[in-house]
C-alpha atoms as a PDB file:
ATOM      1  CA  MET A   1      82.461  86.145  34.577  1.00  0.00           C
ATOM      2  CA  SER A   2      81.826  88.121  31.716  1.00  0.00           C
ATOM      3  CA  ASP A   3      82.968  91.748  31.526  1.00  0.00           C
ATOM      4  CA  LYS A   4      78.988  92.849  31.732  1.00  0.00           C
ATOM      5  CA  ASP A   5      78.176  90.598  34.736  1.00  0.00           C
ATOM      6  CA  LEU A   6      81.124  92.190  36.321  1.00  0.00           C
ATOM      7  CA  VAL A   7      80.121  95.496  35.565  1.00  0.00           C
ATOM      8  CA  GLU A   8      76.390  94.903  36.890  1.00  0.00           C
ATOM      9  CA  SER A   9      77.924  93.381  40.255  1.00  0.00           C
ATOM     10  CA  VAL A  10      80.176  96.079  40.697  1.00  0.00           C
ATOM     11  CA  LEU A  11      77.156  98.565  40.379  1.00  0.00           C
ATOM     12  CA  ARG A  12      75.241  96.175  42.318  1.00  0.00           C
ATOM     13  CA  GLU A  13      77.566  96.619  45.075  1.00  0.00           C
ATOM     14  CA  LEU A  14      77.726 100.400  44.900  1.00  0.00           C
ATOM     15  CA  SER A  15      74.516 100.685  44.944  1.00  0.00           C
ATOM     16  CA  GLU A  16      73.959  99.063  48.267  1.00  0.00           C
ATOM     17  CA  ALA A  17      76.891 100.781  49.326  1.00  0.00           C
ATOM     18  CA  ALA A  18      74.708 104.235  48.613  1.00  0.00           C
ATOM     19  CA  ASP A  19      71.591 102.999  50.330  1.00  0.00           C
ATOM     20  CA  LYS A  20      73.183 101.989  53.367  1.00  0.00           C
ATOM     21  CA  TRP A  21      74.861 105.680  53.281  1.00  0.00           C
ATOM     22  CA  GLU A  22      71.501 107.151  53.039  1.00  0.00           C
ATOM     23  CA  ALA A  23      70.125 105.275  55.887  1.00  0.00           C
ATOM     24  CA  LEU A  24      72.849 106.501  58.047  1.00  0.00           C
ATOM     25  CA  VAL A  25      72.540 110.162  57.131  1.00  0.00           C
ATOM     26  CA  ALA A  26      68.929 109.606  57.440  1.00  0.00           C
ATOM     27  CA  GLN A  27      69.380 108.163  61.040  1.00  0.00           C
ATOM     28  CA  ALA A  28      72.069 110.904  61.784  1.00  0.00           C
ATOM     29  CA  GLU A  29      69.307 113.556  60.756  1.00  0.00           C
ATOM     30  CA  ASN A  30      67.083 112.295  63.588  1.00  0.00           C
ATOM     31  CA  VAL A  31      69.807 112.595  66.049  1.00  0.00           C
ATOM     32  CA  THR A  32      69.118 115.365  69.022  1.00  0.00           C
ATOM     33  CA  TYR A  33      71.264 117.011  71.751  1.00  0.00           C
ATOM     34  CA  SER A  34      70.001 119.057  74.430  1.00  0.00           C
ATOM     35  CA  VAL A  35      70.954 120.704  77.332  1.00  0.00           C
ATOM     36  CA  ASP A  36      68.644 122.231  80.089  1.00  0.00           C
ATOM     37  CA  LEU A  37      70.288 124.659  82.642  1.00  0.00           C
ATOM     38  CA  GLY A  38      67.445 125.971  84.138  1.00  0.00           C
ATOM     39  CA  ASP A  39      67.394 129.363  82.791  1.00  0.00           C
ATOM     40  CA  VAL A  40      68.544 128.094  79.273  1.00  0.00           C
ATOM     41  CA  HIS A  41      67.327 125.500  77.473  1.00  0.00           C
ATOM     42  CA  ALA A  42      68.788 124.291  73.871  1.00  0.00           C
ATOM     43  CA  VAL A  43      68.205 121.640  71.218  1.00  0.00           C
ATOM     44  CA  ALA A  44      70.839 121.028  68.602  1.00  0.00           C
ATOM     45  CA  ASN A  45      70.804 118.270  65.260  1.00  0.00           C
ATOM     46  CA  SER A  46      73.756 116.555  64.628  1.00  0.00           C
ATOM     47  CA  ASP A  47      74.860 118.508  62.008  1.00  0.00           C
ATOM     48  CA  GLY A  48      75.242 121.583  64.377  1.00  0.00           C
ATOM     49  CA  ARG A  49      71.833 123.287  63.506  1.00  0.00           C
ATOM     50  CA  LEU A  50      70.186 124.726  66.635  1.00  0.00           C
ATOM     51  CA  LEU A  51      66.842 123.821  66.769  1.00  0.00           C
ATOM     52  CA  LYS A  52      65.092 125.044  69.586  1.00  0.00           C
ATOM     53  CA  LEU A  53      66.552 128.159  72.275  1.00  0.00           C
ATOM     54  CA  THR A  54      64.053 128.622  75.359  1.00  0.00           C
ATOM     55  CA  LEU A  55      64.959 131.191  77.735  1.00  0.00           C
ATOM     56  CA  HIS A  56      63.679 131.630  81.115  1.00  0.00           C
ATOM     57  CA  PRO A  57      61.625 135.034  81.216  1.00  0.00           C
ATOM     58  CA  GLY A  58      63.979 136.237  83.746  1.00  0.00           C
ATOM     59  CA  VAL A  59      66.803 135.821  81.405  1.00  0.00           C
ATOM     60  CA  MET A  60      65.803 139.072  79.320  1.00  0.00           C
ATOM     61  CA  THR A  61      65.857 141.360  82.311  1.00  0.00           C
ATOM     62  CA  GLY A  62      67.918 139.524  84.842  1.00  0.00           C
ATOM     63  CA  TYR A  63      71.140 139.187  83.139  1.00  0.00           C
ATOM     64  CA  SER A  64      73.514 141.931  81.710  1.00  0.00           C
ATOM     65  CA  HIS A  65      74.619 141.157  77.728  1.00  0.00           C
ATOM     66  CA  ALA A  66      77.942 139.916  79.281  1.00  0.00           C
ATOM     67  CA  GLU A  67      76.194 137.405  81.317  1.00  0.00           C
ATOM     68  CA  LEU A  68      73.587 136.305  79.220  1.00  0.00           C
ATOM     69  CA  ALA A  69      76.073 135.399  76.685  1.00  0.00           C
ATOM     70  CA  ASP A  70      78.032 133.676  79.021  1.00  0.00           C
ATOM     71  CA  ARG A  71      75.177 131.659  79.934  1.00  0.00           C
ATOM     72  CA  LEU A  72      74.533 130.552  76.180  1.00  0.00           C
ATOM     73  CA  ASN A  73      78.159 129.535  75.493  1.00  0.00           C
ATOM     74  CA  VAL A  74      77.769 127.488  78.829  1.00  0.00           C
ATOM     75  CA  ALA A  75      74.870 125.703  76.550  1.00  0.00           C
ATOM     76  CA  LEU A  76      76.155 125.826  73.525  1.00  0.00           C
ATOM     77  CA  ALA A  77      79.579 124.155  74.677  1.00  0.00           C
ATOM     78  CA  ALA A  78      77.489 121.498  76.648  1.00  0.00           C
ATOM     79  CA  LEU A  79      75.766 120.838  73.562  1.00  0.00           C
ATOM     80  CA  ARG A  80      79.003 120.214  71.640  1.00  0.00           C
ATOM     81  CA  GLU A  81      80.348 117.820  74.496  1.00  0.00           C
ATOM     82  CA  GLU A  82      77.219 115.863  74.274  1.00  0.00           C
ATOM     83  CA  ALA A  83      77.573 115.524  70.668  1.00  0.00           C
ATOM     84  CA  GLU A  84      81.399 114.520  70.861  1.00  0.00           C
ATOM     85  CA  ALA A  85      80.486 111.717  73.159  1.00  0.00           C
ATOM     86  CA  GLU A  86      78.157 110.261  71.213  1.00  0.00           C
ATOM     87  CA  ASN A  87      80.588 110.632  68.378  1.00  0.00           C
ATOM     88  CA  GLU A  88      83.045 108.988  70.458  1.00  0.00           C
ATOM     89  CA  ALA A  89      80.745 106.204  71.539  1.00  0.00           C
ATOM     90  CA  ARG A  90      79.221 105.472  68.047  1.00  0.00           C
ATOM     91  CA  TYR A  91      82.309 106.073  65.682  1.00  0.00           C
ATOM     92  CA  GLY A  92      85.404 105.576  67.972  1.00  0.00           C
ATOM     93  CA  GLY A  93      86.706 108.932  67.304  1.00  0.00           C
ATOM     94  CA  PRO A  94      86.461 112.519  67.621  1.00  0.00           C
ATOM     95  CA  LEU A  95      84.561 115.222  65.742  1.00  0.00           C
ATOM     96  CA  GLN A  96      86.269 116.291  62.623  1.00  0.00           C
END
């Protein structure tokens, strides 16, 4: 195999690997996690971006600031647990 053939072969393999990674990243961007606590509904993507947060109308007047913070923290913790479980199942390891 000539040097040129070797270089072309390596470049082809690198290009194929890059295409596979791009496909995996695109797939991961479409993964979402959601939690519905009744009074709080939240949706996040695999990057951790909160895509949607819906609060029951009574939340704004019925909860103190501390109670609202607690409910939001419960929702975010549930999203994180779902993401961790998905990551464990998909990749065999914890989130890093």
